[in-house]
Amino acid sequence: MTRHTTAYLLISGAATAARAPDILRGLVALGFPTVIAIPTPNTARVVAFNDLA
């Protein structure tokens, strides 16, 4: 069985981007050792990049 070790989360400037920090924590809780968040330029309008760290 293949085990995935990296999750990629693409975050757009949509209103639901505010949930991105919770989604990131959820991916880590699911066991992904590496989670990479890729924000679009408009994401800064909805979520602070520090919240994604």
C-alpha atoms as a PDB file:
ATOM      1  CA  MET A   1       0.000   0.000   0.000  1.00  0.00           C
ATOM      2  CA  THR A   2       1.301   3.445  -0.914  1.00  0.00           C
ATOM      3  CA  ARG A   3       1.603   5.916   1.939  1.00  0.00           C
ATOM      4  CA  HIS A   4       1.310   9.563   0.998  1.00  0.00           C
ATOM      5  CA  THR A   5       3.676  11.776   2.972  1.00  0.00           C
ATOM      6  CA  THR A   6       2.876  15.213   1.582  1.00  0.00           C
ATOM      7  CA  ALA A   7      -0.417  17.100   1.358  1.00  0.00           C
ATOM      8  CA  TYR A   8      -0.808  20.224  -0.753  1.00  0.00           C
ATOM      9  CA  LEU A   9      -3.493  22.777   0.105  1.00  0.00           C
ATOM     10  CA  LEU A  10      -4.246  25.401  -2.549  1.00  0.00           C
ATOM     11  CA  ILE A  11      -5.894  28.443  -0.991  1.00  0.00           C
ATOM     12  CA  SER A  12      -7.764  30.996  -3.077  1.00  0.00           C
ATOM     13  CA  GLY A  13      -9.216  34.348  -2.066  1.00  0.00           C
ATOM     14  CA  ALA A  14     -12.672  32.869  -1.575  1.00  0.00           C
ATOM     15  CA  ALA A  15     -14.530  33.459   1.671  1.00  0.00           C
ATOM     16  CA  THR A  16     -13.911  29.847   2.706  1.00  0.00           C
ATOM     17  CA  ALA A  17     -10.148  30.553   2.743  1.00  0.00           C
ATOM     18  CA  ALA A  18     -10.642  31.687   6.336  1.00  0.00           C
ATOM     19  CA  ARG A  19     -10.986  27.977   7.183  1.00  0.00           C
ATOM     20  CA  ALA A  20      -7.525  27.189   5.771  1.00  0.00           C
ATOM     21  CA  PRO A  21      -5.709  27.212   9.152  1.00  0.00           C
ATOM     22  CA  ASP A  22      -8.186  24.648  10.506  1.00  0.00           C
ATOM     23  CA  ILE A  23      -7.835  22.522   7.383  1.00  0.00           C
ATOM     24  CA  LEU A  24      -4.034  22.623   7.690  1.00  0.00           C
ATOM     25  CA  ARG A  25      -4.202  21.446  11.306  1.00  0.00           C
ATOM     26  CA  GLY A  26      -6.640  18.724  10.257  1.00  0.00           C
ATOM     27  CA  LEU A  27      -4.269  17.424   7.591  1.00  0.00           C
ATOM     28  CA  VAL A  28      -1.478  17.225  10.168  1.00  0.00           C
ATOM     29  CA  ALA A  29      -3.836  15.434  12.558  1.00  0.00           C
ATOM     30  CA  LEU A  30      -4.604  12.901   9.816  1.00  0.00           C
ATOM     31  CA  GLY A  31      -0.937  11.958   9.810  1.00  0.00           C
ATOM     32  CA  PHE A  32       0.596  13.914   6.949  1.00  0.00           C
ATOM     33  CA  PRO A  33       4.150  14.691   8.059  1.00  0.00           C
ATOM     34  CA  THR A  34       4.448  17.471   5.477  1.00  0.00           C
ATOM     35  CA  VAL A  35       1.677  19.921   4.564  1.00  0.00           C
ATOM     36  CA  ILE A  36       2.419  22.604   1.988  1.00  0.00           C
ATOM     37  CA  ALA A  37       0.046  25.563   1.729  1.00  0.00           C
ATOM     38  CA  ILE A  38       0.029  27.388  -1.600  1.00  0.00           C
ATOM     39  CA  PRO A  39      -1.879  30.678  -1.351  1.00  0.00           C
ATOM     40  CA  THR A  40      -2.993  32.693  -4.362  1.00  0.00           C
ATOM     41  CA  PRO A  41      -2.312  36.456  -4.335  1.00  0.00           C
ATOM     42  CA  ASN A  42      -5.912  37.206  -3.310  1.00  0.00           C
ATOM     43  CA  THR A  43      -5.675  34.982  -0.237  1.00  0.00           C
ATOM     44  CA  ALA A  44      -4.147  37.850   1.760  1.00  0.00           C
ATOM     45  CA  ARG A  45      -7.528  39.599   1.581  1.00  0.00           C
ATOM     46  CA  VAL A  46      -9.133  36.792   3.559  1.00  0.00           C
ATOM     47  CA  VAL A  47      -6.504  35.157   5.771  1.00  0.00           C
ATOM     48  CA  ALA A  48      -3.252  36.337   7.375  1.00  0.00           C
ATOM     49  CA  PHE A  49      -0.250  34.369   6.132  1.00  0.00           C
ATOM     50  CA  ASN A  50       1.002  34.045   9.727  1.00  0.00           C
ATOM     51  CA  ASP A  51      -2.077  31.924  10.446  1.00  0.00           C
ATOM     52  CA  LEU A  52      -0.842  29.430   7.849  1.00  0.00           C
ATOM     53  CA  ALA A  53       2.525  28.907   9.531  1.00  0.00           C
END
